[in-house]
Amino acid sequence: MAGSEKGKTLLLTGGTGFIGRFLVPALLADGWSVVVLSRQAPEAVAALLGSSVKSISHLEQWVSDKGPDACINLAGEGVLDRRWSAQRKQLLRRSRIDLTRDLVSWLNHFSSPAKVFLSGSAVGFYGVERGSEPLSESVPAGDDFAAQLCKGWEGEARKINNETRLCLLRTGVVLHSQNGALARMLPPFRLGLGGMVGSGKQVMPWIHIEDMVRGIVYLLNSDARGPFNFVAPQSLSNREFTRTLGSVLHRPVVFTMPAPVLRFLLGEGAVLLLEGQNPVPAGLEKANFCFNHPELDSALTNLLS
């Protein structure tokens, strides 16, 4: 496998983010020399990811005439970290579309192209108008802001050199007890104050952080290409998700976050939580990837025990 060959170098954007912090140890264990593109100081990156990881703050700091053997692009501001104003939407575009455009342009200028480019995306690509319809990777993009954001993001990634194998990572809700959406849900649920969002009928696509990392490394070392839905095989509504979480925590689930309240708090972005979509991991299953945590009950038990 490529990552097992001595001296293989990988450039990672978003390495200090939620997924990146768990991915880096797996890449190092797989034999890669990892260089992280980060706005943080090298000392801060080393403190977070370890001294064996190199870091650069600008692509111009790349010292070799030869480009990386592989690149994983996970950079991007949090979609629901703040209310969607016109300024916030522009920041989301810059952190995804513009950054990916610059990264691909830089990768393409090397005479020896990278062997593989894995670029982030999200299941928001499909839009929120399709309800509970199962969505494979062949389904076209939706029309709402998040969908068009993902479409533009992927469009820039697709401009990579034809000799470079491209995988697009359409990610659902990544579960970890101390990071991401689950970490924000746990305090009220542990107090018995948790509950479903809106009608609770909307599908909530999820994946265990372990399978997220394993899937990325699997694609890195495979011959697969194209878009991949990074979601678990089990499809659950928000109502089912919250009931399962309450059961694992041995807490009642009786409260509801009303849709008008969520719209007041998040504005336009609330649609991502109130509507959702139902992507299925057809691409990963076709590539013969095996999930360690395909069902929510056992996934949450693993994370919270």
C-alpha atoms as a PDB file:
ATOM      1  CA  MET A   1       0.000   0.000   0.000  1.00  0.00           C
ATOM      2  CA  ALA A   2       1.099   3.530  -0.754  1.00  0.00           C
ATOM      3  CA  GLY A   3       1.150   4.666   2.848  1.00  0.00           C
ATOM      4  CA  SER A   4       3.360   1.788   3.869  1.00  0.00           C
ATOM      5  CA  GLU A   5       6.168   2.767   1.531  1.00  0.00           C
ATOM      6  CA  LYS A   6       9.056   4.513   3.229  1.00  0.00           C
ATOM      7  CA  GLY A   7       9.354   8.237   2.640  1.00  0.00           C
ATOM      8  CA  LYS A   8       5.824   8.892   1.421  1.00  0.00           C
ATOM      9  CA  THR A   9       4.739  12.424   2.278  1.00  0.00           C
ATOM     10  CA  LEU A  10       1.161  13.572   2.852  1.00  0.00           C
ATOM     11  CA  LEU A  11      -0.101  17.138   3.093  1.00  0.00           C
ATOM     12  CA  LEU A  12      -3.116  17.567   5.378  1.00  0.00           C
ATOM     13  CA  THR A  13      -5.325  20.637   5.702  1.00  0.00           C
ATOM     14  CA  GLY A  14      -7.644  20.828   8.686  1.00  0.00           C
ATOM     15  CA  GLY A  15      -5.229  18.676  10.651  1.00  0.00           C
ATOM     16  CA  THR A  16      -5.870  20.476  13.944  1.00  0.00           C
ATOM     17  CA  GLY A  17      -9.655  20.161  13.583  1.00  0.00           C
ATOM     18  CA  PHE A  18     -11.917  17.523  15.103  1.00  0.00           C
ATOM     19  CA  ILE A  19     -11.413  14.781  12.503  1.00  0.00           C
ATOM     20  CA  GLY A  20      -7.822  15.757  11.767  1.00  0.00           C
ATOM     21  CA  ARG A  21      -6.693  15.266  15.361  1.00  0.00           C
ATOM     22  CA  PHE A  22      -7.840  11.634  15.217  1.00  0.00           C
ATOM     23  CA  LEU A  23      -6.674  11.077  11.656  1.00  0.00           C
ATOM     24  CA  VAL A  24      -3.045  12.137  12.139  1.00  0.00           C
ATOM     25  CA  PRO A  25      -2.085   9.260  14.492  1.00  0.00           C
ATOM     26  CA  ALA A  26      -3.644   6.786  12.043  1.00  0.00           C
ATOM     27  CA  LEU A  27      -1.661   8.273   9.148  1.00  0.00           C
ATOM     28  CA  LEU A  28       1.570   8.123  11.117  1.00  0.00           C
ATOM     29  CA  ALA A  29       0.864   4.513  12.054  1.00  0.00           C
ATOM     30  CA  ASP A  30       0.280   3.793   8.359  1.00  0.00           C
ATOM     31  CA  GLY A  31       3.783   4.996   7.531  1.00  0.00           C
ATOM     32  CA  TRP A  32       3.127   8.485   6.199  1.00  0.00           C
ATOM     33  CA  SER A  33       5.283  11.544   6.830  1.00  0.00           C
ATOM     34  CA  VAL A  34       2.608  14.139   7.629  1.00  0.00           C
ATOM     35  CA  VAL A  35       2.838  17.856   6.911  1.00  0.00           C
ATOM     36  CA  VAL A  36      -0.064  19.933   8.241  1.00  0.00           C
ATOM     37  CA  LEU A  37      -1.128  23.216   6.660  1.00  0.00           C
ATOM     38  CA  SER A  38      -2.325  25.312   9.604  1.00  0.00           C
ATOM     39  CA  ARG A  39      -2.694  28.922  10.660  1.00  0.00           C
ATOM     40  CA  GLN A  40      -1.508  27.932  14.131  1.00  0.00           C
ATOM     41  CA  ALA A  41       2.105  28.354  15.200  1.00  0.00           C
ATOM     42  CA  PRO A  42       4.349  25.308  14.664  1.00  0.00           C
ATOM     43  CA  GLU A  43       4.732  24.950  18.426  1.00  0.00           C
ATOM     44  CA  ALA A  44       0.950  24.779  18.875  1.00  0.00           C
ATOM     45  CA  VAL A  45       0.599  22.195  16.100  1.00  0.00           C
ATOM     46  CA  ALA A  46       3.385  20.086  17.631  1.00  0.00           C
ATOM     47  CA  ALA A  47       1.763  20.294  21.063  1.00  0.00           C
ATOM     48  CA  LEU A  48      -1.541  19.100  19.608  1.00  0.00           C
ATOM     49  CA  LEU A  49      -0.380  16.510  17.076  1.00  0.00           C
ATOM     50  CA  GLY A  50       3.095  15.515  18.232  1.00  0.00           C
ATOM     51  CA  SER A  51       6.632  16.485  17.320  1.00  0.00           C
ATOM     52  CA  SER A  52       6.837  14.047  14.395  1.00  0.00           C
ATOM     53  CA  VAL A  53       4.304  16.146  12.451  1.00  0.00           C
ATOM     54  CA  LYS A  54       5.689  19.049  10.458  1.00  0.00           C
ATOM     55  CA  SER A  55       3.609  22.154   9.839  1.00  0.00           C
ATOM     56  CA  ILE A  56       3.512  25.065   7.408  1.00  0.00           C
ATOM     57  CA  SER A  57       1.289  28.135   7.538  1.00  0.00           C
ATOM     58  CA  HIS A  58       1.414  28.847   3.778  1.00  0.00           C
ATOM     59  CA  LEU A  59       1.827  26.613   0.759  1.00  0.00           C
ATOM     60  CA  GLU A  60       4.805  28.740  -0.280  1.00  0.00           C
ATOM     61  CA  GLN A  61       6.667  27.306   2.722  1.00  0.00           C
ATOM     62  CA  TRP A  62       6.790  23.890   1.072  1.00  0.00           C
ATOM     63  CA  VAL A  63      10.548  23.414   0.713  1.00  0.00           C
ATOM     64  CA  SER A  64      10.791  20.585  -1.818  1.00  0.00           C
ATOM     65  CA  ASP A  65      10.617  20.823  -5.614  1.00  0.00           C
ATOM     66  CA  LYS A  66       8.577  17.643  -5.438  1.00  0.00           C
ATOM     67  CA  GLY A  67       4.991  17.901  -4.244  1.00  0.00           C
ATOM     68  CA  PRO A  68       3.335  15.615  -1.696  1.00  0.00           C
ATOM     69  CA  ASP A  69       2.606  12.013  -2.658  1.00  0.00           C
ATOM     70  CA  ALA A  70      -0.896  12.438  -1.271  1.00  0.00           C
ATOM     71  CA  CYS A  71      -3.091  15.238   0.006  1.00  0.00           C
ATOM     72  CA  ILE A  72      -6.125  15.192   2.317  1.00  0.00           C
ATOM     73  CA  ASN A  73      -8.173  18.380   2.419  1.00  0.00           C
ATOM     74  CA  LEU A  74     -10.352  18.695   5.534  1.00  0.00           C
ATOM     75  CA  ALA A  75     -10.243  22.468   6.035  1.00  0.00           C
ATOM     76  CA  GLY A  76     -13.409  24.494   6.507  1.00  0.00           C
ATOM     77  CA  GLU A  77     -15.170  26.709   9.057  1.00  0.00           C
ATOM     78  CA  GLY A  78     -17.943  25.024  11.052  1.00  0.00           C
ATOM     79  CA  VAL A  79     -21.221  25.311   9.130  1.00  0.00           C
ATOM     80  CA  LEU A  80     -23.410  25.709  12.221  1.00  0.00           C
ATOM     81  CA  ASP A  81     -20.904  27.394  14.540  1.00  0.00           C
ATOM     82  CA  ARG A  82     -22.627  30.734  13.943  1.00  0.00           C
ATOM     83  CA  ARG A  83     -25.821  32.127  12.449  1.00  0.00           C
ATOM     84  CA  TRP A  84     -25.734  32.451   8.647  1.00  0.00           C
ATOM     85  CA  SER A  85     -25.335  36.121   7.805  1.00  0.00           C
ATOM     86  CA  ALA A  86     -24.151  37.258   4.380  1.00  0.00           C
ATOM     87  CA  GLN A  87     -20.697  37.731   5.893  1.00  0.00           C
ATOM     88  CA  ARG A  88     -20.746  34.261   7.481  1.00  0.00           C
ATOM     89  CA  LYS A  89     -21.783  32.631   4.204  1.00  0.00           C
ATOM     90  CA  GLN A  90     -18.898  34.312   2.448  1.00  0.00           C
ATOM     91  CA  LEU A  91     -16.497  33.031   5.104  1.00  0.00           C
ATOM     92  CA  LEU A  92     -17.868  29.507   4.629  1.00  0.00           C
ATOM     93  CA  ARG A  93     -17.280  29.803   0.868  1.00  0.00           C
ATOM     94  CA  ARG A  94     -13.739  31.123   1.321  1.00  0.00           C
ATOM     95  CA  SER A  95     -12.780  28.423   3.818  1.00  0.00           C
ATOM     96  CA  ARG A  96     -13.977  25.674   1.492  1.00  0.00           C
ATOM     97  CA  ILE A  97     -14.244  26.713  -2.132  1.00  0.00           C
ATOM     98  CA  ASP A  98     -11.472  29.308  -2.279  1.00  0.00           C
ATOM     99  CA  LEU A  99      -9.046  27.299  -0.159  1.00  0.00           C
ATOM    100  CA  THR A 100      -9.620  24.180  -2.268  1.00  0.00           C
ATOM    101  CA  ARG A 101      -9.150  26.195  -5.472  1.00  0.00           C
ATOM    102  CA  ASP A 102      -5.792  27.485  -4.213  1.00  0.00           C
ATOM    103  CA  LEU A 103      -4.746  24.045  -2.976  1.00  0.00           C
ATOM    104  CA  VAL A 104      -5.591  22.305  -6.273  1.00  0.00           C
ATOM    105  CA  SER A 105      -3.822  24.996  -8.280  1.00  0.00           C
ATOM    106  CA  TRP A 106      -0.722  24.506  -6.114  1.00  0.00           C
ATOM    107  CA  LEU A 107      -0.849  20.701  -6.415  1.00  0.00           C
ATOM    108  CA  ASN A 108      -1.268  20.911 -10.184  1.00  0.00           C
ATOM    109  CA  HIS A 109       1.843  22.989 -10.700  1.00  0.00           C
ATOM    110  CA  PHE A 110       4.191  20.127  -9.759  1.00  0.00           C
ATOM    111  CA  SER A 111       5.617  18.118 -12.651  1.00  0.00           C
ATOM    112  CA  SER A 112       5.004  14.907 -10.694  1.00  0.00           C
ATOM    113  CA  PRO A 113       1.318  14.917  -9.648  1.00  0.00           C
ATOM    114  CA  ALA A 114       0.148  13.650  -6.281  1.00  0.00           C
ATOM    115  CA  LYS A 115      -1.015  10.047  -6.499  1.00  0.00           C
ATOM    116  CA  VAL A 116      -4.198  10.668  -4.532  1.00  0.00           C
ATOM    117  CA  PHE A 117      -6.273  13.624  -3.370  1.00  0.00           C
ATOM    118  CA  LEU A 118      -8.975  13.124  -0.746  1.00  0.00           C
ATOM    119  CA  SER A 119     -11.097  16.252  -0.400  1.00  0.00           C
ATOM    120  CA  GLY A 120     -13.760  16.994   2.166  1.00  0.00           C
ATOM    121  CA  SER A 121     -17.417  17.577   1.466  1.00  0.00           C
ATOM    122  CA  ALA A 122     -20.643  16.859   3.359  1.00  0.00           C
ATOM    123  CA  VAL A 123     -23.948  15.062   2.984  1.00  0.00           C
ATOM    124  CA  GLY A 124     -25.482  18.524   2.776  1.00  0.00           C
ATOM    125  CA  PHE A 125     -24.547  18.168  -0.908  1.00  0.00           C
ATOM    126  CA  TYR A 126     -27.907  16.475  -1.524  1.00  0.00           C
ATOM    127  CA  GLY A 127     -30.023  19.302  -0.158  1.00  0.00           C
ATOM    128  CA  VAL A 128     -32.910  19.067   2.273  1.00  0.00           C
ATOM    129  CA  GLU A 129     -35.816  18.678  -0.147  1.00  0.00           C
ATOM    130  CA  ARG A 130     -35.607  14.904  -0.599  1.00  0.00           C
ATOM    131  CA  GLY A 131     -36.949  13.799   2.790  1.00  0.00           C
ATOM    132  CA  SER A 132     -36.183  10.204   3.740  1.00  0.00           C
ATOM    133  CA  GLU A 133     -35.359   9.050   0.187  1.00  0.00           C
ATOM    134  CA  PRO A 134     -32.173   6.897   0.271  1.00  0.00           C
ATOM    135  CA  LEU A 135     -29.430   8.850  -1.487  1.00  0.00           C
ATOM    136  CA  SER A 136     -26.486   7.144  -3.162  1.00  0.00           C
ATOM    137  CA  GLU A 137     -23.496   9.090  -4.463  1.00  0.00           C
ATOM    138  CA  SER A 138     -25.027   9.271  -7.949  1.00  0.00           C
ATOM    139  CA  VAL A 139     -27.793  11.652  -6.810  1.00  0.00           C
ATOM    140  CA  PRO A 140     -27.204  15.258  -7.990  1.00  0.00           C
ATOM    141  CA  ALA A 141     -26.740  18.245  -5.699  1.00  0.00           C
ATOM    142  CA  GLY A 142     -29.651  20.056  -4.095  1.00  0.00           C
ATOM    143  CA  ASP A 143     -30.549  23.717  -4.468  1.00  0.00           C
ATOM    144  CA  ASP A 144     -30.212  25.195  -0.961  1.00  0.00           C
ATOM    145  CA  PHE A 145     -27.183  27.105   0.309  1.00  0.00           C
ATOM    146  CA  ALA A 146     -25.441  24.156   1.979  1.00  0.00           C
ATOM    147  CA  ALA A 147     -25.924  21.994  -1.114  1.00  0.00           C
ATOM    148  CA  GLN A 148     -24.511  24.620  -3.444  1.00  0.00           C
ATOM    149  CA  LEU A 149     -21.646  25.219  -1.022  1.00  0.00           C
ATOM    150  CA  CYS A 150     -20.730  21.531  -1.209  1.00  0.00           C
ATOM    151  CA  LYS A 151     -21.193  21.471  -4.987  1.00  0.00           C
ATOM    152  CA  GLY A 152     -18.795  24.392  -5.419  1.00  0.00           C
ATOM    153  CA  TRP A 153     -16.362  22.822  -2.959  1.00  0.00           C
ATOM    154  CA  GLU A 154     -16.341  19.551  -4.872  1.00  0.00           C
ATOM    155  CA  GLY A 155     -16.170  21.386  -8.185  1.00  0.00           C
ATOM    156  CA  GLU A 156     -12.827  22.917  -7.256  1.00  0.00           C
ATOM    157  CA  ALA A 157     -11.504  19.535  -6.071  1.00  0.00           C
ATOM    158  CA  ARG A 158     -12.468  17.980  -9.420  1.00  0.00           C
ATOM    159  CA  LYS A 159     -10.005  20.301 -11.139  1.00  0.00           C
ATOM    160  CA  ILE A 160      -7.123  18.209  -9.795  1.00  0.00           C
ATOM    161  CA  ASN A 161      -4.713  16.740 -12.350  1.00  0.00           C
ATOM    162  CA  ASN A 162      -6.252  13.787 -14.224  1.00  0.00           C
ATOM    163  CA  GLU A 163      -3.329  11.629 -13.135  1.00  0.00           C
ATOM    164  CA  THR A 164      -4.308  12.119  -9.479  1.00  0.00           C
ATOM    165  CA  ARG A 165      -6.911   9.766  -8.033  1.00  0.00           C
ATOM    166  CA  LEU A 166      -9.703  11.847  -6.463  1.00  0.00           C
ATOM    167  CA  CYS A 167     -12.012  10.846  -3.615  1.00  0.00           C
ATOM    168  CA  LEU A 168     -14.691  13.202  -2.268  1.00  0.00           C
ATOM    169  CA  LEU A 169     -15.633  12.664   1.380  1.00  0.00           C
ATOM    170  CA  ARG A 170     -19.325  13.511   1.897  1.00  0.00           C
ATOM    171  CA  THR A 171     -19.447  13.395   5.669  1.00  0.00           C
ATOM    172  CA  GLY A 172     -22.440  13.058   7.978  1.00  0.00           C
ATOM    173  CA  VAL A 173     -22.551  13.771  11.725  1.00  0.00           C
ATOM    174  CA  VAL A 174     -19.297  12.409  13.148  1.00  0.00           C
ATOM    175  CA  LEU A 175     -19.798  10.990  16.637  1.00  0.00           C
ATOM    176  CA  HIS A 176     -17.339  11.409  19.495  1.00  0.00           C
ATOM    177  CA  SER A 177     -18.044  11.928  23.178  1.00  0.00           C
ATOM    178  CA  GLN A 178     -15.864  15.032  23.530  1.00  0.00           C
ATOM    179  CA  ASN A 179     -16.109  16.630  20.089  1.00  0.00           C
ATOM    180  CA  GLY A 180     -18.726  17.672  17.569  1.00  0.00           C
ATOM    181  CA  ALA A 181     -22.510  17.367  17.722  1.00  0.00           C
ATOM    182  CA  LEU A 182     -22.654  14.491  20.208  1.00  0.00           C
ATOM    183  CA  ALA A 183     -20.483  16.344  22.720  1.00  0.00           C
ATOM    184  CA  ARG A 184     -22.909  19.293  22.547  1.00  0.00           C
ATOM    185  CA  MET A 185     -25.892  16.984  23.031  1.00  0.00           C
ATOM    186  CA  LEU A 186     -24.551  15.106  26.037  1.00  0.00           C
ATOM    187  CA  PRO A 187     -24.907  17.708  28.854  1.00  0.00           C
ATOM    188  CA  PRO A 188     -28.701  18.164  28.531  1.00  0.00           C
ATOM    189  CA  PHE A 189     -29.254  14.461  27.853  1.00  0.00           C
ATOM    190  CA  ARG A 190     -27.291  13.481  30.952  1.00  0.00           C
ATOM    191  CA  LEU A 191     -29.545  15.807  32.971  1.00  0.00           C
ATOM    192  CA  GLY A 192     -32.642  14.193  31.507  1.00  0.00           C
ATOM    193  CA  LEU A 193     -33.384  17.337  29.494  1.00  0.00           C
ATOM    194  CA  GLY A 194     -32.552  16.002  26.054  1.00  0.00           C
ATOM    195  CA  GLY A 195     -35.014  15.461  23.257  1.00  0.00           C
ATOM    196  CA  MET A 196     -35.694  15.420  19.569  1.00  0.00           C
ATOM    197  CA  VAL A 197     -35.461  18.397  17.226  1.00  0.00           C
ATOM    198  CA  GLY A 198     -38.582  19.650  15.476  1.00  0.00           C
ATOM    199  CA  SER A 199     -40.814  16.850  14.208  1.00  0.00           C
ATOM    200  CA  GLY A 200     -38.115  14.248  14.808  1.00  0.00           C
ATOM    201  CA  LYS A 201     -38.946  12.620  11.471  1.00  0.00           C
ATOM    202  CA  GLN A 202     -35.861  13.945   9.688  1.00  0.00           C
ATOM    203  CA  VAL A 203     -33.104  11.402   9.067  1.00  0.00           C
ATOM    204  CA  MET A 204     -29.895  12.040  10.997  1.00  0.00           C
ATOM    205  CA  PRO A 205     -26.929  10.558   9.077  1.00  0.00           C
ATOM    206  CA  TRP A 206     -24.104   9.657  11.456  1.00  0.00           C
ATOM    207  CA  ILE A 207     -20.742   7.877  11.605  1.00  0.00           C
ATOM    208  CA  HIS A 208     -18.495   6.838  14.498  1.00  0.00           C
ATOM    209  CA  ILE A 209     -15.183   8.754  14.545  1.00  0.00           C
ATOM    210  CA  GLU A 210     -13.297   5.455  14.376  1.00  0.00           C
ATOM    211  CA  ASP A 211     -15.032   4.465  11.128  1.00  0.00           C
ATOM    212  CA  MET A 212     -14.529   7.989   9.785  1.00  0.00           C
ATOM    213  CA  VAL A 213     -10.775   7.713  10.267  1.00  0.00           C
ATOM    214  CA  ARG A 214     -10.610   4.095   9.127  1.00  0.00           C
ATOM    215  CA  GLY A 215     -12.577   4.959   5.989  1.00  0.00           C
ATOM    216  CA  ILE A 216     -10.235   7.792   5.058  1.00  0.00           C
ATOM    217  CA  VAL A 217      -7.135   5.626   5.472  1.00  0.00           C
ATOM    218  CA  TYR A 218      -8.872   2.817   3.564  1.00  0.00           C
ATOM    219  CA  LEU A 219      -9.575   5.063   0.576  1.00  0.00           C
ATOM    220  CA  LEU A 220      -6.071   6.501   0.754  1.00  0.00           C
ATOM    221  CA  ASN A 221      -4.641   3.031   0.260  1.00  0.00           C
ATOM    222  CA  SER A 222      -7.181   1.719  -2.250  1.00  0.00           C
ATOM    223  CA  ASP A 223      -7.779   2.230  -5.957  1.00  0.00           C
ATOM    224  CA  ALA A 224     -11.241   3.709  -5.377  1.00  0.00           C
ATOM    225  CA  ARG A 225     -12.204   7.108  -6.734  1.00  0.00           C
ATOM    226  CA  GLY A 226     -15.229   9.410  -6.859  1.00  0.00           C
ATOM    227  CA  PRO A 227     -17.650  10.602  -4.146  1.00  0.00           C
ATOM    228  CA  PHE A 228     -18.225   8.590  -0.967  1.00  0.00           C
ATOM    229  CA  ASN A 229     -20.945   9.052   1.659  1.00  0.00           C
ATOM    230  CA  PHE A 230     -19.249   8.791   5.051  1.00  0.00           C
ATOM    231  CA  VAL A 231     -22.284   7.618   6.992  1.00  0.00           C
ATOM    232  CA  ALA A 232     -23.101   4.416   8.855  1.00  0.00           C
ATOM    233  CA  PRO A 233     -25.315   1.840   7.134  1.00  0.00           C
ATOM    234  CA  GLN A 234     -28.059   2.227   9.747  1.00  0.00           C
ATOM    235  CA  SER A 235     -30.465   5.014   8.809  1.00  0.00           C
ATOM    236  CA  LEU A 236     -32.291   6.597  11.764  1.00  0.00           C
ATOM    237  CA  SER A 237     -34.660   9.501  12.259  1.00  0.00           C
ATOM    238  CA  ASN A 238     -33.818  12.206  14.774  1.00  0.00           C
ATOM    239  CA  ARG A 239     -36.521  10.745  17.028  1.00  0.00           C
ATOM    240  CA  GLU A 240     -34.883   7.302  16.887  1.00  0.00           C
ATOM    241  CA  PHE A 241     -31.424   8.783  17.385  1.00  0.00           C
ATOM    242  CA  THR A 242     -32.427  10.709  20.517  1.00  0.00           C
ATOM    243  CA  ARG A 243     -34.320   7.756  21.983  1.00  0.00           C
ATOM    244  CA  THR A 244     -31.274   5.540  21.468  1.00  0.00           C
ATOM    245  CA  LEU A 245     -28.997   8.104  23.096  1.00  0.00           C
ATOM    246  CA  GLY A 246     -31.361   8.399  26.060  1.00  0.00           C
ATOM    247  CA  SER A 247     -31.461   4.614  26.408  1.00  0.00           C
ATOM    248  CA  VAL A 248     -27.658   4.298  26.377  1.00  0.00           C
ATOM    249  CA  LEU A 249     -27.426   7.041  29.019  1.00  0.00           C
ATOM    250  CA  HIS A 250     -30.373   5.589  31.010  1.00  0.00           C
ATOM    251  CA  ARG A 251     -32.140   8.920  30.882  1.00  0.00           C
ATOM    252  CA  PRO A 252     -35.670   9.855  29.817  1.00  0.00           C
ATOM    253  CA  VAL A 253     -36.221  11.621  26.510  1.00  0.00           C
ATOM    254  CA  VAL A 254     -39.321  13.767  26.896  1.00  0.00           C
ATOM    255  CA  PHE A 255     -38.405  17.234  25.687  1.00  0.00           C
ATOM    256  CA  THR A 256     -38.506  18.708  22.179  1.00  0.00           C
ATOM    257  CA  MET A 257     -36.646  21.600  20.594  1.00  0.00           C
ATOM    258  CA  PRO A 258     -39.485  23.326  18.681  1.00  0.00           C
ATOM    259  CA  ALA A 259     -38.707  24.298  15.109  1.00  0.00           C
ATOM    260  CA  PRO A 260     -39.499  28.029  15.638  1.00  0.00           C
ATOM    261  CA  VAL A 261     -37.031  28.203  18.533  1.00  0.00           C
ATOM    262  CA  LEU A 262     -34.294  26.575  16.476  1.00  0.00           C
ATOM    263  CA  ARG A 263     -34.967  28.939  13.574  1.00  0.00           C
ATOM    264  CA  PHE A 264     -34.708  31.866  15.982  1.00  0.00           C
ATOM    265  CA  LEU A 265     -31.350  30.594  17.279  1.00  0.00           C
ATOM    266  CA  LEU A 266     -29.774  29.509  13.993  1.00  0.00           C
ATOM    267  CA  GLY A 267     -31.706  31.369  11.317  1.00  0.00           C
ATOM    268  CA  GLU A 268     -31.499  29.847   7.849  1.00  0.00           C
ATOM    269  CA  GLY A 269     -28.995  27.229   9.020  1.00  0.00           C
ATOM    270  CA  ALA A 270     -31.678  25.561  11.172  1.00  0.00           C
ATOM    271  CA  VAL A 271     -32.920  23.793   8.046  1.00  0.00           C
ATOM    272  CA  LEU A 272     -29.953  21.412   8.260  1.00  0.00           C
ATOM    273  CA  LEU A 273     -31.233  20.111  11.603  1.00  0.00           C
ATOM    274  CA  LEU A 274     -34.951  20.314  10.885  1.00  0.00           C
ATOM    275  CA  GLU A 275     -34.985  18.653   7.466  1.00  0.00           C
ATOM    276  CA  GLY A 276     -31.862  16.516   7.037  1.00  0.00           C
ATOM    277  CA  GLN A 277     -31.296  13.907   4.337  1.00  0.00           C
ATOM    278  CA  ASN A 278     -30.825  10.130   4.052  1.00  0.00           C
ATOM    279  CA  PRO A 279     -27.506   9.322   2.334  1.00  0.00           C
ATOM    280  CA  VAL A 280     -26.391   5.696   2.210  1.00  0.00           C
ATOM    281  CA  PRO A 281     -22.755   4.466   2.105  1.00  0.00           C
ATOM    282  CA  ALA A 282     -23.081   2.804  -1.288  1.00  0.00           C
ATOM    283  CA  GLY A 283     -19.585   3.862  -2.405  1.00  0.00           C
ATOM    284  CA  LEU A 284     -17.802   2.584   0.693  1.00  0.00           C
ATOM    285  CA  GLU A 285     -19.708  -0.694   0.596  1.00  0.00           C
ATOM    286  CA  LYS A 286     -18.898  -1.154  -3.095  1.00  0.00           C
ATOM    287  CA  ALA A 287     -15.230  -0.565  -2.206  1.00  0.00           C
ATOM    288  CA  ASN A 288     -15.577  -3.401   0.363  1.00  0.00           C
ATOM    289  CA  PHE A 289     -15.063  -1.188   3.402  1.00  0.00           C
ATOM    290  CA  CYS A 290     -16.334  -2.867   6.584  1.00  0.00           C
ATOM    291  CA  PHE A 291     -17.757  -0.675   9.347  1.00  0.00           C
ATOM    292  CA  ASN A 292     -16.702  -1.427  12.914  1.00  0.00           C
ATOM    293  CA  HIS A 293     -19.751   0.443  14.216  1.00  0.00           C
ATOM    294  CA  PRO A 294     -22.675  -0.007  11.802  1.00  0.00           C
ATOM    295  CA  GLU A 295     -25.434   0.370  14.424  1.00  0.00           C
ATOM    296  CA  LEU A 296     -26.069   3.367  16.666  1.00  0.00           C
ATOM    297  CA  ASP A 297     -26.735   1.547  19.920  1.00  0.00           C
ATOM    298  CA  SER A 298     -23.372  -0.230  19.913  1.00  0.00           C
ATOM    299  CA  ALA A 299     -21.599   2.875  18.536  1.00  0.00           C
ATOM    300  CA  LEU A 300     -22.870   5.061  21.388  1.00  0.00           C
ATOM    301  CA  THR A 301     -22.141   2.347  23.947  1.00  0.00           C
ATOM    302  CA  ASN A 302     -18.573   2.216  22.656  1.00  0.00           C
ATOM    303  CA  LEU A 303     -18.177   5.995  22.853  1.00  0.00           C
ATOM    304  CA  LEU A 304     -19.877   6.519  26.214  1.00  0.00           C
ATOM    305  CA  SER A 305     -18.868   3.471  28.245  1.00  0.00           C
END
